[in-house]
Amino acid sequence: MAYGPHLAGPGGMATARQGGQRGKGAPVDAAPEFAQLQLQFVDQLQQRYEVIRPLSLFEDRTATQRAQETQLHPETVRTLARRFREQGRLGLLSADQAVVPRGRARRVSDAVRQEIDRLKRLYAGFHDRERARIVFCTLGESIDHKTVKQLWEQSPVVAHTELALDDYHTHADRYQARLQVVQLY
């Protein structure tokens, strides 16, 4: 199988086609091949990977040979290969670049937590979607019902099962009945 000048064949040597013939062509030196590849690199990580790629894939040459091909110091090639084996692609980053894992995209505000606690103290019979709607109407913050459920379960507040309300018609004075409802809020 013939390989183009930009592809390394088995054994790390590239071959070029001669006169349109199929089959094995003349070997191409890896150093000019790497110099041509270097023009196409977008970032340093890609360039460093291409330095050690033949060492990690083929194992047909030493770090010293690859250093000569890439015009780098042999210790640099060895260090990159070792860090790649130990850490993967992140090991190819330079020391001044830091990788910070993304945190959660959105945090729940303290006001939402307090509202969930207030609802839990008030009445345990609300459904998760009702709780989310109440939080939205009260605070104006949109929150998913699954998040509300998680906050409800994490809340240390003890939930009441019954509201301490009498029937409206059982009160002798209607003013007292309305006052009892208003005091809940």
C-alpha atoms as a PDB file:
ATOM      1  CA  MET A   1       0.000   0.000   0.000  1.00  0.00           C
ATOM      2  CA  ALA A   2       1.392   3.400  -0.943  1.00  0.00           C
ATOM      3  CA  TYR A   3       1.282   6.340   1.411  1.00  0.00           C
ATOM      4  CA  GLY A   4       1.184   9.986   0.477  1.00  0.00           C
ATOM      5  CA  PRO A   5       3.992  12.301   1.597  1.00  0.00           C
ATOM      6  CA  HIS A   6       1.843  13.533   4.497  1.00  0.00           C
ATOM      7  CA  LEU A   7       1.085  10.112   5.964  1.00  0.00           C
ATOM      8  CA  ALA A   8       3.467   7.871   7.819  1.00  0.00           C
ATOM      9  CA  GLY A   9       3.388   4.250   6.827  1.00  0.00           C
ATOM     10  CA  PRO A  10       4.121   1.236   8.978  1.00  0.00           C
ATOM     11  CA  GLY A  11       7.453   1.683  10.664  1.00  0.00           C
ATOM     12  CA  GLY A  12       7.079   5.451  10.715  1.00  0.00           C
ATOM     13  CA  MET A  13       8.583   6.043   7.258  1.00  0.00           C
ATOM     14  CA  ALA A  14       6.494   7.729   4.684  1.00  0.00           C
ATOM     15  CA  THR A  15       6.611   6.809   1.022  1.00  0.00           C
ATOM     16  CA  ALA A  16       5.792   8.823  -2.057  1.00  0.00           C
ATOM     17  CA  ARG A  17       4.284   7.506  -5.258  1.00  0.00           C
ATOM     18  CA  GLN A  18       6.525   7.458  -8.244  1.00  0.00           C
ATOM     19  CA  GLY A  19       5.113   8.001 -11.676  1.00  0.00           C
ATOM     20  CA  GLY A  20       1.547   7.174 -10.597  1.00  0.00           C
ATOM     21  CA  GLN A  21       2.479   3.567  -9.816  1.00  0.00           C
ATOM     22  CA  ARG A  22       0.656   1.711  -7.130  1.00  0.00           C
ATOM     23  CA  GLY A  23       2.726  -0.065  -4.574  1.00  0.00           C
ATOM     24  CA  LYS A  24       5.688   0.884  -2.515  1.00  0.00           C
ATOM     25  CA  GLY A  25       7.364   4.149  -3.466  1.00  0.00           C
ATOM     26  CA  ALA A  26      10.546   5.881  -2.450  1.00  0.00           C
ATOM     27  CA  PRO A  27      10.912   6.555   1.277  1.00  0.00           C
ATOM     28  CA  VAL A  28      10.436  10.146   2.430  1.00  0.00           C
ATOM     29  CA  ASP A  29      12.510  11.506   5.296  1.00  0.00           C
ATOM     30  CA  ALA A  30      10.487  12.201   8.455  1.00  0.00           C
ATOM     31  CA  ALA A  31      12.212  15.516   9.274  1.00  0.00           C
ATOM     32  CA  PRO A  32      10.928  17.452   6.207  1.00  0.00           C
ATOM     33  CA  GLU A  33       7.573  15.733   6.713  1.00  0.00           C
ATOM     34  CA  PHE A  34       7.360  17.117  10.255  1.00  0.00           C
ATOM     35  CA  ALA A  35       8.429  20.574   9.069  1.00  0.00           C
ATOM     36  CA  GLN A  36       5.577  20.545   6.551  1.00  0.00           C
ATOM     37  CA  LEU A  37       3.126  19.338   9.210  1.00  0.00           C
ATOM     38  CA  GLN A  38       4.253  22.092  11.551  1.00  0.00           C
ATOM     39  CA  LEU A  39       2.867  24.701   9.163  1.00  0.00           C
ATOM     40  CA  GLN A  40      -0.621  23.270   9.660  1.00  0.00           C
ATOM     41  CA  PHE A  41      -0.628  23.200  13.475  1.00  0.00           C
ATOM     42  CA  VAL A  42      -3.296  25.297  15.102  1.00  0.00           C
ATOM     43  CA  ASP A  43      -2.164  25.165  18.720  1.00  0.00           C
ATOM     44  CA  GLN A  44       0.742  24.049  20.871  1.00  0.00           C
ATOM     45  CA  LEU A  45      -1.077  20.985  22.163  1.00  0.00           C
ATOM     46  CA  GLN A  46      -1.417  19.641  18.617  1.00  0.00           C
ATOM     47  CA  GLN A  47       2.238  20.340  17.871  1.00  0.00           C
ATOM     48  CA  ARG A  48       3.402  18.562  21.021  1.00  0.00           C
ATOM     49  CA  TYR A  49       1.198  15.552  20.262  1.00  0.00           C
ATOM     50  CA  GLU A  50       2.648  15.256  16.779  1.00  0.00           C
ATOM     51  CA  VAL A  51       6.133  15.255  18.308  1.00  0.00           C
ATOM     52  CA  ILE A  52       5.405  12.164  20.420  1.00  0.00           C
ATOM     53  CA  ARG A  53       2.787  10.429  18.255  1.00  0.00           C
ATOM     54  CA  PRO A  54       5.229   8.065  16.474  1.00  0.00           C
ATOM     55  CA  LEU A  55       6.776   7.130  19.839  1.00  0.00           C
ATOM     56  CA  SER A  56       3.442   6.211  21.381  1.00  0.00           C
ATOM     57  CA  LEU A  57       1.930   4.497  18.328  1.00  0.00           C
ATOM     58  CA  PHE A  58       4.759   2.690  16.571  1.00  0.00           C
ATOM     59  CA  GLU A  59       7.654   2.251  19.032  1.00  0.00           C
ATOM     60  CA  ASP A  60      10.030   1.829  16.089  1.00  0.00           C
ATOM     61  CA  ARG A  61      12.317   4.700  17.003  1.00  0.00           C
ATOM     62  CA  THR A  62      13.872   6.220  20.060  1.00  0.00           C
ATOM     63  CA  ALA A  63      13.241   9.598  21.586  1.00  0.00           C
ATOM     64  CA  THR A  64      16.676  10.693  20.369  1.00  0.00           C
ATOM     65  CA  GLN A  65      15.811   9.796  16.771  1.00  0.00           C
ATOM     66  CA  ARG A  66      12.487  11.618  17.032  1.00  0.00           C
ATOM     67  CA  ALA A  67      14.253  14.630  18.542  1.00  0.00           C
ATOM     68  CA  GLN A  68      16.541  14.771  15.506  1.00  0.00           C
ATOM     69  CA  GLU A  69      13.539  14.558  13.164  1.00  0.00           C
ATOM     70  CA  THR A  70      11.691  17.351  14.957  1.00  0.00           C
ATOM     71  CA  GLN A  71      14.770  19.451  15.778  1.00  0.00           C
ATOM     72  CA  LEU A  72      14.009  19.376  19.512  1.00  0.00           C
ATOM     73  CA  HIS A  73      16.154  18.414  22.465  1.00  0.00           C
ATOM     74  CA  PRO A  74      15.937  14.657  23.252  1.00  0.00           C
ATOM     75  CA  GLU A  75      15.067  15.371  26.899  1.00  0.00           C
ATOM     76  CA  THR A  76      12.098  17.478  25.761  1.00  0.00           C
ATOM     77  CA  VAL A  77      10.790  14.599  23.656  1.00  0.00           C
ATOM     78  CA  ARG A  78      11.272  12.129  26.533  1.00  0.00           C
ATOM     79  CA  THR A  79       9.494  14.467  28.974  1.00  0.00           C
ATOM     80  CA  LEU A  80       6.545  14.948  26.624  1.00  0.00           C
ATOM     81  CA  ALA A  81       6.254  11.204  26.013  1.00  0.00           C
ATOM     82  CA  ARG A  82       6.382  10.416  29.746  1.00  0.00           C
ATOM     83  CA  ARG A  83       3.817  13.089  30.620  1.00  0.00           C
ATOM     84  CA  PHE A  84       1.555  11.851  27.823  1.00  0.00           C
ATOM     85  CA  ARG A  85       1.716   8.271  29.161  1.00  0.00           C
ATOM     86  CA  GLU A  86       0.951   9.448  32.703  1.00  0.00           C
ATOM     87  CA  GLN A  87      -1.630  12.200  32.158  1.00  0.00           C
ATOM     88  CA  GLY A  88      -2.891  11.816  28.614  1.00  0.00           C
ATOM     89  CA  ARG A  89      -3.344  14.901  26.451  1.00  0.00           C
ATOM     90  CA  LEU A  90      -3.456  17.178  29.491  1.00  0.00           C
ATOM     91  CA  GLY A  91       0.161  16.249  30.135  1.00  0.00           C
ATOM     92  CA  LEU A  92       1.100  17.979  26.897  1.00  0.00           C
ATOM     93  CA  LEU A  93      -0.021  21.384  28.149  1.00  0.00           C
ATOM     94  CA  SER A  94       2.700  23.807  29.142  1.00  0.00           C
ATOM     95  CA  ALA A  95       3.189  24.666  32.816  1.00  0.00           C
ATOM     96  CA  ASP A  96       1.692  28.157  32.475  1.00  0.00           C
ATOM     97  CA  GLN A  97      -1.634  26.783  31.226  1.00  0.00           C
ATOM     98  CA  ALA A  98      -4.074  25.704  33.908  1.00  0.00           C
ATOM     99  CA  VAL A  99      -6.977  23.356  33.407  1.00  0.00           C
ATOM    100  CA  VAL A 100      -9.910  24.359  35.557  1.00  0.00           C
ATOM    101  CA  PRO A 101     -12.838  21.959  35.612  1.00  0.00           C
ATOM    102  CA  ARG A 102     -16.146  23.610  34.925  1.00  0.00           C
ATOM    103  CA  GLY A 103     -18.261  24.027  37.977  1.00  0.00           C
ATOM    104  CA  ARG A 104     -21.979  23.725  37.986  1.00  0.00           C
ATOM    105  CA  ALA A 105     -23.465  26.175  35.580  1.00  0.00           C
ATOM    106  CA  ARG A 106     -25.985  27.648  37.955  1.00  0.00           C
ATOM    107  CA  ARG A 107     -26.253  27.926  41.717  1.00  0.00           C
ATOM    108  CA  VAL A 108     -29.504  28.148  43.619  1.00  0.00           C
ATOM    109  CA  SER A 109     -29.842  31.446  45.463  1.00  0.00           C
ATOM    110  CA  ASP A 110     -30.369  31.668  49.204  1.00  0.00           C
ATOM    111  CA  ALA A 111     -33.737  33.325  48.607  1.00  0.00           C
ATOM    112  CA  VAL A 112     -34.963  30.220  46.765  1.00  0.00           C
ATOM    113  CA  ARG A 113     -33.710  27.974  49.562  1.00  0.00           C
ATOM    114  CA  GLN A 114     -35.494  30.116  52.144  1.00  0.00           C
ATOM    115  CA  GLU A 115     -38.694  30.017  50.116  1.00  0.00           C
ATOM    116  CA  ILE A 116     -38.504  26.218  49.897  1.00  0.00           C
ATOM    117  CA  ASP A 117     -37.996  26.082  53.670  1.00  0.00           C
ATOM    118  CA  ARG A 118     -40.973  28.401  54.184  1.00  0.00           C
ATOM    119  CA  LEU A 119     -43.163  26.227  51.945  1.00  0.00           C
ATOM    120  CA  LYS A 120     -42.028  23.114  53.778  1.00  0.00           C
ATOM    121  CA  ARG A 121     -42.966  24.650  57.133  1.00  0.00           C
ATOM    122  CA  LEU A 122     -46.283  25.775  55.719  1.00  0.00           C
ATOM    123  CA  TYR A 123     -47.611  22.643  54.042  1.00  0.00           C
ATOM    124  CA  ALA A 124     -46.142  19.314  52.892  1.00  0.00           C
ATOM    125  CA  GLY A 125     -48.889  18.499  50.396  1.00  0.00           C
ATOM    126  CA  PHE A 126     -47.534  20.632  47.562  1.00  0.00           C
ATOM    127  CA  HIS A 127     -46.263  18.810  44.492  1.00  0.00           C
ATOM    128  CA  ASP A 128     -42.844  19.644  43.070  1.00  0.00           C
ATOM    129  CA  ARG A 129     -44.220  21.520  40.074  1.00  0.00           C
ATOM    130  CA  GLU A 130     -46.503  23.542  42.358  1.00  0.00           C
ATOM    131  CA  ARG A 131     -43.530  24.434  44.541  1.00  0.00           C
ATOM    132  CA  ALA A 132     -41.549  25.516  41.478  1.00  0.00           C
ATOM    133  CA  ARG A 133     -44.462  27.669  40.322  1.00  0.00           C
ATOM    134  CA  ILE A 134     -44.825  29.265  43.770  1.00  0.00           C
ATOM    135  CA  VAL A 135     -41.088  30.063  43.830  1.00  0.00           C
ATOM    136  CA  PHE A 136     -41.382  31.613  40.381  1.00  0.00           C
ATOM    137  CA  CYS A 137     -44.434  33.700  41.306  1.00  0.00           C
ATOM    138  CA  THR A 138     -42.999  34.764  44.655  1.00  0.00           C
ATOM    139  CA  LEU A 139     -39.372  35.486  43.702  1.00  0.00           C
ATOM    140  CA  GLY A 140     -39.448  35.720  39.925  1.00  0.00           C
ATOM    141  CA  GLU A 141     -36.733  33.057  39.643  1.00  0.00           C
ATOM    142  CA  SER A 142     -37.344  30.157  37.282  1.00  0.00           C
ATOM    143  CA  ILE A 143     -36.403  26.804  38.789  1.00  0.00           C
ATOM    144  CA  ASP A 144     -36.849  23.238  37.617  1.00  0.00           C
ATOM    145  CA  HIS A 145     -39.193  20.964  39.558  1.00  0.00           C
ATOM    146  CA  LYS A 146     -36.417  18.377  39.920  1.00  0.00           C
ATOM    147  CA  THR A 147     -34.211  20.971  41.596  1.00  0.00           C
ATOM    148  CA  VAL A 148     -37.108  21.891  43.874  1.00  0.00           C
ATOM    149  CA  LYS A 149     -37.505  18.243  44.820  1.00  0.00           C
ATOM    150  CA  GLN A 150     -33.797  17.965  45.611  1.00  0.00           C
ATOM    151  CA  LEU A 151     -33.881  21.138  47.729  1.00  0.00           C
ATOM    152  CA  TRP A 152     -37.033  19.913  49.494  1.00  0.00           C
ATOM    153  CA  GLU A 153     -35.335  16.660  50.448  1.00  0.00           C
ATOM    154  CA  GLN A 154     -32.163  18.444  51.589  1.00  0.00           C
ATOM    155  CA  SER A 155     -34.005  20.993  53.710  1.00  0.00           C
ATOM    156  CA  PRO A 156     -33.641  20.383  57.453  1.00  0.00           C
ATOM    157  CA  VAL A 157     -37.044  21.931  58.169  1.00  0.00           C
ATOM    158  CA  VAL A 158     -39.731  19.547  59.431  1.00  0.00           C
ATOM    159  CA  ALA A 159     -42.774  19.553  57.181  1.00  0.00           C
ATOM    160  CA  HIS A 160     -46.272  19.995  58.572  1.00  0.00           C
ATOM    161  CA  THR A 161     -48.918  17.710  57.186  1.00  0.00           C
ATOM    162  CA  GLU A 162     -51.999  19.743  58.096  1.00  0.00           C
ATOM    163  CA  LEU A 163     -52.636  23.452  57.905  1.00  0.00           C
ATOM    164  CA  ALA A 164     -53.871  24.977  61.137  1.00  0.00           C
ATOM    165  CA  LEU A 165     -56.930  26.461  59.473  1.00  0.00           C
ATOM    166  CA  ASP A 166     -60.462  26.067  60.490  1.00  0.00           C
ATOM    167  CA  ASP A 167     -63.251  25.985  57.976  1.00  0.00           C
ATOM    168  CA  TYR A 168     -64.305  29.503  56.960  1.00  0.00           C
ATOM    169  CA  HIS A 169     -67.865  28.937  58.145  1.00  0.00           C
ATOM    170  CA  THR A 170     -66.883  27.610  61.574  1.00  0.00           C
ATOM    171  CA  HIS A 171     -65.628  31.028  62.698  1.00  0.00           C
ATOM    172  CA  ALA A 172     -68.143  33.166  64.498  1.00  0.00           C
ATOM    173  CA  ASP A 173     -66.593  36.307  63.112  1.00  0.00           C
ATOM    174  CA  ARG A 174     -65.728  36.381  59.380  1.00  0.00           C
ATOM    175  CA  TYR A 175     -63.110  39.033  60.054  1.00  0.00           C
ATOM    176  CA  GLN A 176     -61.183  36.531  62.204  1.00  0.00           C
ATOM    177  CA  ALA A 177     -61.364  33.909  59.426  1.00  0.00           C
ATOM    178  CA  ARG A 178     -59.923  36.321  56.847  1.00  0.00           C
ATOM    179  CA  LEU A 179     -57.286  37.520  59.317  1.00  0.00           C
ATOM    180  CA  GLN A 180     -56.141  33.947  59.920  1.00  0.00           C
ATOM    181  CA  VAL A 181     -55.616  33.424  56.155  1.00  0.00           C
ATOM    182  CA  VAL A 182     -53.788  36.752  55.725  1.00  0.00           C
ATOM    183  CA  GLN A 183     -51.430  35.977  58.649  1.00  0.00           C
ATOM    184  CA  LEU A 184     -50.203  32.885  56.841  1.00  0.00           C
ATOM    185  CA  TYR A 185     -48.503  35.163  54.292  1.00  0.00           C
END
